Amino acid sequence: MSEVKIRAATSEDYPATEFVIREAFWNVFKPGTDVHWATHLVREWDSYIPQLDFVALDGEKIVGNVVSRKAAIVGDDGITYVTVRLGPLAVLPKYQRQGIGRQLIEKTVETAREMKFRSIMLLGDPEYYLKRGFKPAEAFGIRNAKNFYIERLHAFELYEGALVSGRYLNQSKYKFDAEQFKIFDGKFPDKELLTDTPSQLRLKQLKTMKRRAERR
């Protein structure tokens, strides 16, 4: 593999990035995946941030992608703060564990800071993201919309003191339409569906790791 380069994604890159996302998430969270479909839709939303859509290239081949959009933290002080919601972060399986995901995160952090965003939030496995500069959202007093501290929710301050305690609102317009998804996914190669993979079992475990916060 030659040196991987990171650059901003263009609309011409979208089909290739959707392939990367599908490959990266296949059987990870559930049998198959619909993350590539959700990303296809997100890129049409007002909350999508095109300046924070990056691809990783091995030569001319797209091997990784990260996409971000706007979300919000409703602070306990009564103020609503705009935040970046990072994800998905995807790297082709054969290119994983080579630092490409880290490079995509670093580029997102650098650019989001330049754009004067306050923070970045994401849902993901702490075993990965806590090694890449993120901290548990609970460390900042940030809960989900239902007032739970959850193990999968992580935060990154883009400058000191930028985060306040409150509820993270990961609002989504995504509604799964089975027929539309079938048409969309039919453009991609057939792949085997697997159940109870280690990553699926890990996600089930993480989803149980939550606790209700005291009423605020």
N, C-alpha and C. Protein backbone atom coordinates (compact mmCIF):
# COMPACT_ATOMS: atom_id res chain seq x y z
N MET A 1 0.84 -1.20 0.00
CA MET A 1 0.00 0.00 0.00
C MET A 1 0.87 1.24 0.00
N SER A 2 0.60 2.19 -0.91
CA SER A 2 1.31 3.46 -0.92
C SER A 2 0.78 4.33 0.22
N GLU A 3 1.39 5.48 0.41
CA GLU A 3 0.96 6.36 1.49
C GLU A 3 -0.47 6.83 1.25
N VAL A 4 -1.31 6.68 2.26
CA VAL A 4 -2.70 7.10 2.14
C VAL A 4 -2.80 8.61 2.29
N LYS A 5 -3.59 9.21 1.43
CA LYS A 5 -3.81 10.66 1.48
C LYS A 5 -5.27 10.94 1.85
N ILE A 6 -5.47 12.03 2.55
CA ILE A 6 -6.81 12.46 2.95
C ILE A 6 -7.16 13.72 2.19
N ARG A 7 -8.35 13.75 1.63
CA ARG A 7 -8.83 14.97 0.97
C ARG A 7 -10.33 15.10 1.16
N ALA A 8 -10.85 16.28 0.84
CA ALA A 8 -12.28 16.50 0.92
C ALA A 8 -13.00 15.64 -0.11
N ALA A 9 -14.15 15.11 0.27
CA ALA A 9 -14.97 14.33 -0.66
C ALA A 9 -15.72 15.26 -1.60
N THR A 10 -16.00 14.76 -2.79
CA THR A 10 -16.85 15.47 -3.75
C THR A 10 -18.07 14.60 -4.03
N SER A 11 -19.06 15.18 -4.66
CA SER A 11 -20.27 14.41 -4.96
C SER A 11 -19.96 13.23 -5.89
N GLU A 12 -18.91 13.38 -6.70
CA GLU A 12 -18.52 12.27 -7.58
C GLU A 12 -17.98 11.09 -6.78
N ASP A 13 -17.53 11.34 -5.57
CA ASP A 13 -16.99 10.28 -4.72
C ASP A 13 -18.08 9.48 -4.02
N TYR A 14 -19.29 9.98 -3.96
CA TYR A 14 -20.31 9.38 -3.10
C TYR A 14 -20.55 7.90 -3.38
N PRO A 15 -20.72 7.48 -4.63
CA PRO A 15 -20.94 6.04 -4.86
C PRO A 15 -19.80 5.18 -4.31
N ALA A 16 -18.56 5.61 -4.51
CA ALA A 16 -17.43 4.83 -4.01
C ALA A 16 -17.41 4.81 -2.49
N THR A 17 -17.76 5.93 -1.86
CA THR A 17 -17.77 5.95 -0.40
C THR A 17 -18.89 5.07 0.15
N GLU A 18 -20.00 5.02 -0.54
CA GLU A 18 -21.10 4.15 -0.09
C GLU A 18 -20.70 2.68 -0.16
N PHE A 19 -19.91 2.34 -1.16
CA PHE A 19 -19.38 0.97 -1.23
C PHE A 19 -18.45 0.70 -0.04
N VAL A 20 -17.57 1.66 0.26
CA VAL A 20 -16.65 1.50 1.40
C VAL A 20 -17.43 1.33 2.70
N ILE A 21 -18.44 2.16 2.90
CA ILE A 21 -19.24 2.10 4.12
C ILE A 21 -19.94 0.75 4.24
N ARG A 22 -20.51 0.28 3.14
CA ARG A 22 -21.20 -1.02 3.16
C ARG A 22 -20.22 -2.14 3.52
N GLU A 23 -19.05 -2.12 2.89
CA GLU A 23 -18.06 -3.16 3.18
C GLU A 23 -17.60 -3.09 4.64
N ALA A 24 -17.38 -1.88 5.13
CA ALA A 24 -16.85 -1.70 6.48
C ALA A 24 -17.84 -2.13 7.56
N PHE A 25 -19.14 -1.91 7.31
CA PHE A 25 -20.14 -2.17 8.34
C PHE A 25 -20.93 -3.47 8.12
N TRP A 26 -20.59 -4.22 7.09
CA TRP A 26 -21.34 -5.44 6.80
C TRP A 26 -21.22 -6.42 7.96
N ASN A 27 -22.36 -6.80 8.49
CA ASN A 27 -22.47 -7.76 9.62
C ASN A 27 -21.85 -7.24 10.92
N VAL A 28 -21.51 -5.97 10.99
CA VAL A 28 -20.87 -5.43 12.19
C VAL A 28 -21.89 -5.19 13.31
N PHE A 29 -22.95 -4.43 13.01
CA PHE A 29 -23.95 -4.10 14.02
C PHE A 29 -25.14 -5.05 13.99
N LYS A 30 -25.39 -5.63 12.82
CA LYS A 30 -26.51 -6.53 12.60
C LYS A 30 -26.22 -7.31 11.33
N PRO A 31 -26.98 -8.34 11.02
CA PRO A 31 -26.77 -9.02 9.74
C PRO A 31 -26.92 -8.03 8.58
N GLY A 32 -25.92 -7.95 7.73
CA GLY A 32 -25.93 -6.96 6.67
C GLY A 32 -25.65 -5.58 7.23
N THR A 33 -26.16 -4.55 6.59
CA THR A 33 -26.05 -3.17 7.07
C THR A 33 -26.95 -2.27 6.26
N ASP A 34 -27.33 -1.16 6.84
CA ASP A 34 -28.01 -0.11 6.08
C ASP A 34 -27.32 1.24 6.31
N VAL A 35 -26.11 1.22 6.85
CA VAL A 35 -25.38 2.46 7.14
C VAL A 35 -25.09 3.22 5.85
N HIS A 36 -24.79 2.50 4.77
CA HIS A 36 -24.52 3.17 3.50
C HIS A 36 -25.75 3.87 2.96
N TRP A 37 -26.91 3.29 3.19
CA TRP A 37 -28.19 3.89 2.77
C TRP A 37 -28.48 5.13 3.60
N ALA A 38 -28.29 5.03 4.92
CA ALA A 38 -28.51 6.17 5.80
C ALA A 38 -27.59 7.33 5.41
N THR A 39 -26.33 7.02 5.08
CA THR A 39 -25.38 8.06 4.69
C THR A 39 -25.80 8.71 3.37
N HIS A 40 -26.28 7.90 2.45
CA HIS A 40 -26.79 8.42 1.17
C HIS A 40 -27.88 9.46 1.42
N LEU A 41 -28.75 9.21 2.39
CA LEU A 41 -29.82 10.14 2.72
C LEU A 41 -29.30 11.36 3.46
N VAL A 42 -28.39 11.14 4.40
CA VAL A 42 -27.85 12.23 5.22
C VAL A 42 -27.27 13.33 4.35
N ARG A 43 -26.66 12.94 3.26
CA ARG A 43 -26.01 13.94 2.40
C ARG A 43 -26.99 14.88 1.70
N GLU A 44 -28.27 14.62 1.87
CA GLU A 44 -29.30 15.50 1.34
C GLU A 44 -29.93 16.36 2.43
N TRP A 45 -29.53 16.16 3.67
CA TRP A 45 -30.13 16.88 4.79
C TRP A 45 -29.48 18.25 4.98
N ASP A 46 -30.24 19.17 5.57
CA ASP A 46 -29.69 20.49 5.89
C ASP A 46 -28.58 20.39 6.94
N SER A 47 -28.64 19.38 7.79
CA SER A 47 -27.66 19.24 8.86
C SER A 47 -26.32 18.67 8.38
N TYR A 48 -26.28 18.12 7.18
CA TYR A 48 -25.05 17.56 6.63
C TYR A 48 -24.00 18.67 6.47
N ILE A 49 -22.76 18.38 6.83
CA ILE A 49 -21.67 19.36 6.73
C ILE A 49 -20.69 18.89 5.65
N PRO A 50 -20.84 19.37 4.42
CA PRO A 50 -19.99 18.87 3.33
C PRO A 50 -18.50 19.13 3.57
N GLN A 51 -18.17 20.19 4.32
CA GLN A 51 -16.76 20.50 4.58
C GLN A 51 -16.12 19.47 5.51
N LEU A 52 -16.94 18.64 6.16
CA LEU A 52 -16.43 17.62 7.06
C LEU A 52 -16.68 16.21 6.52
N ASP A 53 -16.72 16.11 5.21
CA ASP A 53 -16.84 14.82 4.52
C ASP A 53 -15.49 14.58 3.84
N PHE A 54 -14.74 13.59 4.36
CA PHE A 54 -13.39 13.34 3.86
C PHE A 54 -13.23 11.91 3.38
N VAL A 55 -12.36 11.74 2.39
CA VAL A 55 -12.02 10.40 1.90
C VAL A 55 -10.54 10.13 2.10
N ALA A 56 -10.21 8.85 2.29
CA ALA A 56 -8.82 8.40 2.34
C ALA A 56 -8.53 7.68 1.03
N LEU A 57 -7.40 7.99 0.42
CA LEU A 57 -7.05 7.45 -0.89
C LEU A 57 -5.75 6.65 -0.83
N ASP A 58 -5.78 5.46 -1.41
CA ASP A 58 -4.58 4.68 -1.69
C ASP A 58 -4.38 4.79 -3.19
N GLY A 59 -3.51 5.70 -3.60
CA GLY A 59 -3.43 6.03 -5.01
C GLY A 59 -4.70 6.78 -5.40
N GLU A 60 -5.44 6.22 -6.36
CA GLU A 60 -6.71 6.82 -6.76
C GLU A 60 -7.91 6.09 -6.15
N LYS A 61 -7.65 5.07 -5.38
CA LYS A 61 -8.72 4.25 -4.81
C LYS A 61 -9.18 4.80 -3.47
N ILE A 62 -10.49 4.99 -3.34
CA ILE A 62 -11.05 5.42 -2.06
C ILE A 62 -11.14 4.22 -1.13
N VAL A 63 -10.46 4.32 0.01
CA VAL A 63 -10.41 3.20 0.94
C VAL A 63 -11.01 3.55 2.30
N GLY A 64 -11.35 4.82 2.50
CA GLY A 64 -11.93 5.24 3.76
C GLY A 64 -12.76 6.49 3.59
N ASN A 65 -13.65 6.73 4.54
CA ASN A 65 -14.54 7.89 4.47
C ASN A 65 -15.04 8.24 5.87
N VAL A 66 -15.18 9.51 6.13
CA VAL A 66 -15.84 9.96 7.35
C VAL A 66 -16.82 11.06 6.97
N VAL A 67 -17.99 11.03 7.58
CA VAL A 67 -19.06 11.98 7.29
C VAL A 67 -19.53 12.58 8.61
N SER A 68 -19.88 13.85 8.60
CA SER A 68 -20.38 14.51 9.81
C SER A 68 -21.58 15.40 9.48
N ARG A 69 -22.37 15.64 10.50
CA ARG A 69 -23.50 16.54 10.39
C ARG A 69 -23.69 17.27 11.70
N LYS A 70 -24.57 18.26 11.69
CA LYS A 70 -24.83 19.03 12.90
C LYS A 70 -25.81 18.30 13.81
N ALA A 71 -25.56 18.41 15.10
CA ALA A 71 -26.49 17.94 16.12
C ALA A 71 -26.54 19.01 17.20
N ALA A 72 -27.09 18.70 18.35
CA ALA A 72 -27.24 19.74 19.37
C ALA A 72 -27.09 19.15 20.77
N ILE A 73 -26.59 19.98 21.67
CA ILE A 73 -26.59 19.68 23.10
C ILE A 73 -27.47 20.73 23.76
N VAL A 74 -28.54 20.30 24.39
CA VAL A 74 -29.40 21.21 25.14
C VAL A 74 -28.83 21.30 26.55
N GLY A 75 -28.15 22.40 26.82
CA GLY A 75 -27.44 22.54 28.08
C GLY A 75 -28.36 22.66 29.28
N ASP A 76 -27.85 22.25 30.42
CA ASP A 76 -28.60 22.42 31.66
C ASP A 76 -28.75 23.89 32.01
N ASP A 77 -27.99 24.76 31.31
CA ASP A 77 -28.13 26.20 31.50
C ASP A 77 -29.24 26.79 30.65
N GLY A 78 -29.95 25.92 29.89
CA GLY A 78 -31.07 26.39 29.08
C GLY A 78 -30.69 26.83 27.68
N ILE A 79 -29.41 26.77 27.35
CA ILE A 79 -28.93 27.18 26.03
C ILE A 79 -28.72 25.94 25.16
N THR A 80 -29.09 26.03 23.90
CA THR A 80 -28.85 24.94 22.96
C THR A 80 -27.57 25.22 22.18
N TYR A 81 -26.64 24.28 22.21
CA TYR A 81 -25.34 24.44 21.57
C TYR A 81 -25.25 23.51 20.36
N VAL A 82 -24.79 24.06 19.24
CA VAL A 82 -24.57 23.25 18.05
C VAL A 82 -23.29 22.44 18.24
N THR A 83 -23.34 21.18 17.86
CA THR A 83 -22.17 20.33 17.92
C THR A 83 -22.05 19.54 16.63
N VAL A 84 -20.89 18.97 16.37
CA VAL A 84 -20.68 18.10 15.22
C VAL A 84 -20.99 16.67 15.65
N ARG A 85 -21.74 15.98 14.84
CA ARG A 85 -22.01 14.56 15.06
C ARG A 85 -21.19 13.79 14.03
N LEU A 86 -20.12 13.14 14.48
CA LEU A 86 -19.23 12.41 13.58
C LEU A 86 -19.74 11.00 13.34
N GLY A 87 -19.75 10.61 12.09
CA GLY A 87 -20.12 9.24 11.76
C GLY A 87 -21.05 9.19 10.55
N PRO A 88 -20.90 8.14 9.75
CA PRO A 88 -20.02 7.00 9.99
C PRO A 88 -18.56 7.28 9.66
N LEU A 89 -17.72 6.53 10.33
CA LEU A 89 -16.29 6.46 10.02
C LEU A 89 -16.05 5.06 9.47
N ALA A 90 -15.63 4.97 8.21
CA ALA A 90 -15.54 3.67 7.55
C ALA A 90 -14.22 3.51 6.82
N VAL A 91 -13.63 2.32 6.95
CA VAL A 91 -12.41 1.96 6.23
C VAL A 91 -12.61 0.55 5.68
N LEU A 92 -12.22 0.33 4.44
CA LEU A 92 -12.32 -1.01 3.87
C LEU A 92 -11.62 -2.02 4.78
N PRO A 93 -12.22 -3.19 4.97
CA PRO A 93 -11.65 -4.17 5.92
C PRO A 93 -10.16 -4.45 5.72
N LYS A 94 -9.70 -4.60 4.49
CA LYS A 94 -8.29 -4.94 4.26
C LYS A 94 -7.35 -3.79 4.60
N TYR A 95 -7.90 -2.59 4.78
CA TYR A 95 -7.09 -1.41 5.11
C TYR A 95 -7.23 -1.01 6.58
N GLN A 96 -7.99 -1.75 7.34
CA GLN A 96 -8.18 -1.41 8.74
C GLN A 96 -6.93 -1.74 9.55
N ARG A 97 -6.84 -1.12 10.73
CA ARG A 97 -5.71 -1.29 11.66
C ARG A 97 -4.40 -0.78 11.07
N GLN A 98 -4.52 0.23 10.21
CA GLN A 98 -3.33 0.86 9.62
C GLN A 98 -3.30 2.36 9.88
N GLY A 99 -4.16 2.83 10.77
CA GLY A 99 -4.15 4.24 11.14
C GLY A 99 -4.98 5.16 10.27
N ILE A 100 -5.72 4.59 9.32
CA ILE A 100 -6.50 5.43 8.40
C ILE A 100 -7.67 6.09 9.13
N GLY A 101 -8.35 5.33 9.99
CA GLY A 101 -9.44 5.92 10.76
C GLY A 101 -8.95 7.07 11.62
N ARG A 102 -7.79 6.90 12.24
CA ARG A 102 -7.21 7.96 13.06
C ARG A 102 -6.94 9.21 12.22
N GLN A 103 -6.42 9.04 11.02
CA GLN A 103 -6.14 10.18 10.14
C GLN A 103 -7.43 10.92 9.76
N LEU A 104 -8.48 10.16 9.51
CA LEU A 104 -9.76 10.78 9.15
C LEU A 104 -10.33 11.55 10.33
N ILE A 105 -10.19 11.00 11.54
CA ILE A 105 -10.65 11.71 12.73
C ILE A 105 -9.85 12.99 12.93
N GLU A 106 -8.54 12.90 12.79
CA GLU A 106 -7.68 14.08 12.98
C GLU A 106 -8.02 15.18 11.99
N LYS A 107 -8.31 14.80 10.74
CA LYS A 107 -8.69 15.81 9.74
C LYS A 107 -10.03 16.44 10.10
N THR A 108 -10.95 15.65 10.61
CA THR A 108 -12.25 16.18 11.02
C THR A 108 -12.08 17.15 12.18
N VAL A 109 -11.28 16.77 13.18
CA VAL A 109 -11.03 17.64 14.33
C VAL A 109 -10.40 18.95 13.89
N GLU A 110 -9.38 18.87 13.07
CA GLU A 110 -8.67 20.07 12.60
C GLU A 110 -9.61 21.02 11.87
N THR A 111 -10.42 20.48 10.95
CA THR A 111 -11.29 21.32 10.14
C THR A 111 -12.47 21.86 10.95
N ALA A 112 -13.03 21.02 11.82
CA ALA A 112 -14.14 21.49 12.67
C ALA A 112 -13.69 22.63 13.57
N ARG A 113 -12.46 22.55 14.07
CA ARG A 113 -11.92 23.63 14.90
C ARG A 113 -11.77 24.91 14.07
N GLU A 114 -11.28 24.77 12.86
CA GLU A 114 -11.13 25.92 11.97
C GLU A 114 -12.49 26.54 11.64
N MET A 115 -13.54 25.72 11.61
CA MET A 115 -14.88 26.20 11.31
C MET A 115 -15.59 26.77 12.54
N LYS A 116 -14.88 26.80 13.67
CA LYS A 116 -15.37 27.40 14.92
C LYS A 116 -16.46 26.58 15.60
N PHE A 117 -16.52 25.28 15.30
CA PHE A 117 -17.42 24.43 16.08
C PHE A 117 -16.84 24.27 17.48
N ARG A 118 -17.72 23.99 18.43
CA ARG A 118 -17.30 23.86 19.83
C ARG A 118 -16.83 22.45 20.18
N SER A 119 -17.47 21.46 19.57
CA SER A 119 -17.24 20.08 20.03
C SER A 119 -17.65 19.09 18.96
N ILE A 120 -17.24 17.84 19.18
CA ILE A 120 -17.64 16.72 18.32
C ILE A 120 -18.20 15.64 19.22
N MET A 121 -19.31 15.06 18.82
CA MET A 121 -19.94 13.96 19.54
C MET A 121 -20.04 12.75 18.62
N LEU A 122 -20.05 11.56 19.21
CA LEU A 122 -20.30 10.37 18.42
C LEU A 122 -20.74 9.22 19.30
N LEU A 123 -21.35 8.24 18.64
CA LEU A 123 -21.68 6.97 19.28
C LEU A 123 -20.75 5.91 18.72
N GLY A 124 -20.05 5.21 19.60
CA GLY A 124 -19.12 4.20 19.13
C GLY A 124 -18.53 3.42 20.28
N ASP A 125 -17.69 2.47 19.94
CA ASP A 125 -17.08 1.60 20.94
C ASP A 125 -15.97 2.35 21.67
N PRO A 126 -16.06 2.44 23.01
CA PRO A 126 -15.01 3.15 23.76
C PRO A 126 -13.63 2.55 23.58
N GLU A 127 -13.54 1.26 23.31
CA GLU A 127 -12.23 0.64 23.12
C GLU A 127 -11.48 1.26 21.94
N TYR A 128 -12.20 1.83 20.99
CA TYR A 128 -11.57 2.48 19.84
C TYR A 128 -11.44 3.98 20.06
N TYR A 129 -12.54 4.65 20.40
CA TYR A 129 -12.55 6.11 20.38
C TYR A 129 -11.86 6.75 21.58
N LEU A 130 -11.80 6.08 22.71
CA LEU A 130 -11.11 6.67 23.85
C LEU A 130 -9.60 6.69 23.65
N LYS A 131 -9.11 5.95 22.66
CA LYS A 131 -7.69 5.98 22.31
C LYS A 131 -7.39 7.05 21.26
N ARG A 132 -8.41 7.76 20.83
CA ARG A 132 -8.25 8.73 19.74
C ARG A 132 -8.72 10.12 20.14
N GLY A 133 -8.58 10.41 21.42
CA GLY A 133 -8.83 11.77 21.89
C GLY A 133 -10.22 12.04 22.44
N PHE A 134 -11.14 11.11 22.24
CA PHE A 134 -12.48 11.31 22.77
C PHE A 134 -12.53 10.92 24.25
N LYS A 135 -13.49 11.49 24.95
CA LYS A 135 -13.71 11.17 26.36
C LYS A 135 -15.16 10.73 26.54
N PRO A 136 -15.44 9.97 27.58
CA PRO A 136 -16.84 9.61 27.83
C PRO A 136 -17.68 10.87 27.99
N ALA A 137 -18.83 10.91 27.36
CA ALA A 137 -19.70 12.08 27.47
C ALA A 137 -20.06 12.35 28.93
N GLU A 138 -20.13 11.28 29.71
CA GLU A 138 -20.47 11.43 31.12
C GLU A 138 -19.47 12.31 31.86
N ALA A 139 -18.22 12.33 31.39
CA ALA A 139 -17.21 13.17 32.04
C ALA A 139 -17.56 14.64 31.97
N PHE A 140 -18.41 15.01 31.00
CA PHE A 140 -18.85 16.39 30.85
C PHE A 140 -20.29 16.58 31.35
N GLY A 141 -20.88 15.52 31.89
CA GLY A 141 -22.27 15.61 32.34
C GLY A 141 -23.27 15.57 31.20
N ILE A 142 -22.87 14.97 30.08
CA ILE A 142 -23.74 14.92 28.91
C ILE A 142 -24.45 13.56 28.85
N ARG A 143 -25.77 13.63 28.76
CA ARG A 143 -26.61 12.43 28.67
C ARG A 143 -27.27 12.36 27.31
N ASN A 144 -27.95 11.24 27.05
CA ASN A 144 -28.73 11.17 25.81
C ASN A 144 -30.07 11.88 26.01
N ALA A 145 -30.90 11.86 24.98
CA ALA A 145 -32.15 12.62 25.03
C ALA A 145 -33.09 12.13 26.13
N LYS A 146 -32.94 10.85 26.52
CA LYS A 146 -33.80 10.28 27.55
C LYS A 146 -33.18 10.38 28.95
N ASN A 147 -32.13 11.17 29.06
CA ASN A 147 -31.47 11.46 30.34
C ASN A 147 -30.71 10.26 30.90
N PHE A 148 -30.12 9.47 30.00
CA PHE A 148 -29.28 8.36 30.41
C PHE A 148 -27.82 8.67 30.08
N TYR A 149 -26.92 8.31 30.98
CA TYR A 149 -25.51 8.24 30.63
C TYR A 149 -25.31 6.90 29.93
N ILE A 150 -24.74 6.93 28.74
CA ILE A 150 -24.57 5.69 27.99
C ILE A 150 -23.10 5.49 27.62
N GLU A 151 -22.68 4.24 27.67
CA GLU A 151 -21.28 3.90 27.48
C GLU A 151 -20.77 4.25 26.09
N ARG A 152 -21.64 4.26 25.11
CA ARG A 152 -21.21 4.45 23.71
C ARG A 152 -21.10 5.92 23.31
N LEU A 153 -21.52 6.85 24.17
CA LEU A 153 -21.55 8.26 23.80
C LEU A 153 -20.25 8.94 24.22
N HIS A 154 -19.58 9.56 23.25
CA HIS A 154 -18.27 10.16 23.49
C HIS A 154 -18.25 11.61 23.01
N ALA A 155 -17.35 12.38 23.59
CA ALA A 155 -17.26 13.81 23.29
C ALA A 155 -15.81 14.23 23.09
N PHE A 156 -15.64 15.24 22.28
CA PHE A 156 -14.31 15.81 22.02
C PHE A 156 -14.46 17.33 22.08
N GLU A 157 -13.78 17.96 23.04
CA GLU A 157 -13.79 19.42 23.12
C GLU A 157 -12.82 19.99 22.10
N LEU A 158 -13.29 20.93 21.30
CA LEU A 158 -12.42 21.56 20.31
C LEU A 158 -11.65 22.74 20.89
N TYR A 159 -12.07 23.21 22.04
CA TYR A 159 -11.26 24.11 22.84
C TYR A 159 -11.69 23.96 24.29
N GLU A 160 -10.81 24.28 25.22
CA GLU A 160 -11.06 24.02 26.63
C GLU A 160 -12.29 24.77 27.12
N GLY A 161 -13.15 24.05 27.81
CA GLY A 161 -14.35 24.65 28.37
C GLY A 161 -15.51 24.77 27.39
N ALA A 162 -15.37 24.15 26.21
CA ALA A 162 -16.40 24.29 25.18
C ALA A 162 -17.65 23.47 25.48
N LEU A 163 -17.50 22.39 26.22
CA LEU A 163 -18.64 21.51 26.50
C LEU A 163 -19.29 21.85 27.83
N VAL A 164 -20.61 21.76 27.82
CA VAL A 164 -21.39 21.98 29.04
C VAL A 164 -22.25 20.75 29.28
N SER A 165 -22.67 20.57 30.52
CA SER A 165 -23.56 19.45 30.82
C SER A 165 -24.92 19.68 30.18
N GLY A 166 -25.55 18.59 29.77
CA GLY A 166 -26.85 18.71 29.13
C GLY A 166 -27.22 17.42 28.43
N ARG A 167 -28.22 17.52 27.57
CA ARG A 167 -28.70 16.36 26.83
C ARG A 167 -28.32 16.47 25.36
N TYR A 168 -27.76 15.40 24.86
CA TYR A 168 -27.35 15.34 23.46
C TYR A 168 -28.54 14.90 22.61
N LEU A 169 -28.87 15.72 21.63
CA LEU A 169 -29.98 15.41 20.73
C LEU A 169 -29.43 15.01 19.38
N ASN A 170 -29.45 13.73 19.12
CA ASN A 170 -28.99 13.19 17.84
C ASN A 170 -30.20 13.03 16.93
N GLN A 171 -30.81 14.15 16.62
CA GLN A 171 -32.05 14.11 15.84
C GLN A 171 -31.79 13.58 14.44
N SER A 172 -32.70 12.73 13.98
CA SER A 172 -32.52 12.08 12.69
C SER A 172 -33.83 12.07 11.91
N LYS A 173 -33.72 12.37 10.61
CA LYS A 173 -34.87 12.25 9.73
C LYS A 173 -34.93 10.87 9.08
N TYR A 174 -33.97 10.02 9.45
CA TYR A 174 -33.86 8.73 8.79
C TYR A 174 -34.99 7.80 9.21
N LYS A 175 -35.77 7.39 8.23
CA LYS A 175 -36.82 6.40 8.45
C LYS A 175 -36.61 5.29 7.44
N PHE A 176 -36.47 4.09 7.96
CA PHE A 176 -36.15 2.97 7.09
C PHE A 176 -37.33 2.63 6.20
N ASP A 177 -37.12 2.67 4.90
CA ASP A 177 -38.12 2.30 3.91
C ASP A 177 -37.60 1.05 3.22
N ALA A 178 -38.21 -0.09 3.51
CA ALA A 178 -37.69 -1.38 3.03
C ALA A 178 -37.62 -1.45 1.51
N GLU A 179 -38.61 -0.90 0.84
CA GLU A 179 -38.62 -0.98 -0.62
C GLU A 179 -37.54 -0.11 -1.23
N GLN A 180 -37.43 1.11 -0.74
CA GLN A 180 -36.39 2.00 -1.25
C GLN A 180 -35.00 1.43 -0.96
N PHE A 181 -34.84 0.88 0.24
CA PHE A 181 -33.54 0.30 0.58
C PHE A 181 -33.21 -0.88 -0.33
N LYS A 182 -34.19 -1.71 -0.62
CA LYS A 182 -33.96 -2.88 -1.48
C LYS A 182 -33.48 -2.44 -2.85
N ILE A 183 -34.08 -1.40 -3.39
CA ILE A 183 -33.67 -0.89 -4.70
C ILE A 183 -32.25 -0.34 -4.63
N PHE A 184 -31.98 0.44 -3.59
CA PHE A 184 -30.66 1.04 -3.43
C PHE A 184 -29.59 -0.02 -3.24
N ASP A 185 -29.83 -0.94 -2.33
CA ASP A 185 -28.82 -1.96 -2.01
C ASP A 185 -28.63 -2.94 -3.15
N GLY A 186 -29.60 -3.04 -4.05
CA GLY A 186 -29.48 -3.95 -5.18
C GLY A 186 -28.38 -3.58 -6.15
N LYS A 187 -27.85 -2.35 -6.00
CA LYS A 187 -26.76 -1.91 -6.87
C LYS A 187 -25.41 -2.49 -6.43
N PHE A 188 -25.39 -3.09 -5.24
CA PHE A 188 -24.14 -3.57 -4.66
C PHE A 188 -24.05 -5.09 -4.77
N PRO A 189 -22.84 -5.64 -4.64
CA PRO A 189 -22.68 -7.10 -4.73
C PRO A 189 -23.41 -7.83 -3.60
N ASP A 190 -23.91 -9.03 -3.89
CA ASP A 190 -24.50 -9.87 -2.85
C ASP A 190 -23.43 -10.29 -1.86
N LYS A 191 -23.82 -10.32 -0.58
CA LYS A 191 -22.90 -10.74 0.47
C LYS A 191 -23.65 -11.61 1.47
N GLU A 192 -22.92 -12.46 2.15
CA GLU A 192 -23.52 -13.37 3.12
C GLU A 192 -23.92 -12.62 4.39
N LEU A 193 -25.10 -12.94 4.90
CA LEU A 193 -25.57 -12.37 6.16
C LEU A 193 -25.16 -13.29 7.31
N LEU A 194 -24.59 -12.68 8.36
CA LEU A 194 -24.16 -13.43 9.53
C LEU A 194 -24.82 -12.86 10.78
N THR A 195 -25.15 -13.73 11.71
CA THR A 195 -25.73 -13.30 12.98
C THR A 195 -24.78 -13.62 14.12
N ASP A 196 -24.93 -12.89 15.21
CA ASP A 196 -24.15 -13.10 16.43
C ASP A 196 -22.65 -13.08 16.18
N THR A 197 -22.22 -12.15 15.34
CA THR A 197 -20.78 -11.94 15.19
C THR A 197 -20.24 -11.29 16.46
N PRO A 198 -18.94 -11.36 16.71
CA PRO A 198 -18.39 -10.73 17.91
C PRO A 198 -18.76 -9.25 18.05
N SER A 199 -18.76 -8.53 16.94
CA SER A 199 -19.09 -7.10 17.01
C SER A 199 -20.57 -6.89 17.31
N GLN A 200 -21.44 -7.75 16.80
CA GLN A 200 -22.86 -7.65 17.12
C GLN A 200 -23.10 -7.92 18.60
N LEU A 201 -22.42 -8.92 19.14
CA LEU A 201 -22.56 -9.24 20.56
C LEU A 201 -21.97 -8.13 21.42
N ARG A 202 -20.90 -7.52 20.96
CA ARG A 202 -20.29 -6.39 21.67
C ARG A 202 -21.27 -5.22 21.73
N LEU A 203 -21.95 -4.94 20.62
CA LEU A 203 -22.91 -3.85 20.60
C LEU A 203 -24.06 -4.12 21.57
N LYS A 204 -24.54 -5.34 21.60
CA LYS A 204 -25.60 -5.68 22.55
C LYS A 204 -25.15 -5.43 23.98
N GLN A 205 -23.91 -5.77 24.27
CA GLN A 205 -23.37 -5.54 25.60
C GLN A 205 -23.31 -4.05 25.91
N LEU A 206 -22.80 -3.26 24.97
CA LEU A 206 -22.66 -1.83 25.19
C LEU A 206 -24.01 -1.15 25.39
N LYS A 207 -25.03 -1.63 24.69
CA LYS A 207 -26.34 -1.02 24.82
C LYS A 207 -26.94 -1.21 26.21
N THR A 208 -26.49 -2.23 26.92
CA THR A 208 -27.00 -2.44 28.28
C THR A 208 -26.25 -1.59 29.30
N MET A 209 -25.14 -1.00 28.88
CA MET A 209 -24.29 -0.24 29.80
C MET A 209 -24.73 1.22 29.82
N LYS A 210 -25.75 1.49 30.59
CA LYS A 210 -26.29 2.82 30.73
C LYS A 210 -26.91 2.96 32.10
N ARG A 211 -27.06 4.20 32.52
CA ARG A 211 -27.73 4.44 33.79
C ARG A 211 -28.44 5.78 33.72
N ARG A 212 -29.58 5.85 34.36
CA ARG A 212 -30.35 7.09 34.33
C ARG A 212 -29.68 8.13 35.21
N ALA A 213 -29.58 9.33 34.69
CA ALA A 213 -29.00 10.43 35.45
C ALA A 213 -30.03 10.97 36.43
N GLU A 214 -29.57 11.65 37.44
CA GLU A 214 -30.49 12.33 38.33
C GLU A 214 -31.24 13.39 37.54
N ARG A 215 -32.49 13.57 37.87
CA ARG A 215 -33.31 14.54 37.15
C ARG A 215 -32.69 15.92 37.20
N ARG A 216 -32.56 16.56 36.01
CA ARG A 216 -31.98 17.90 35.96
C ARG A 216 -32.97 18.84 35.29
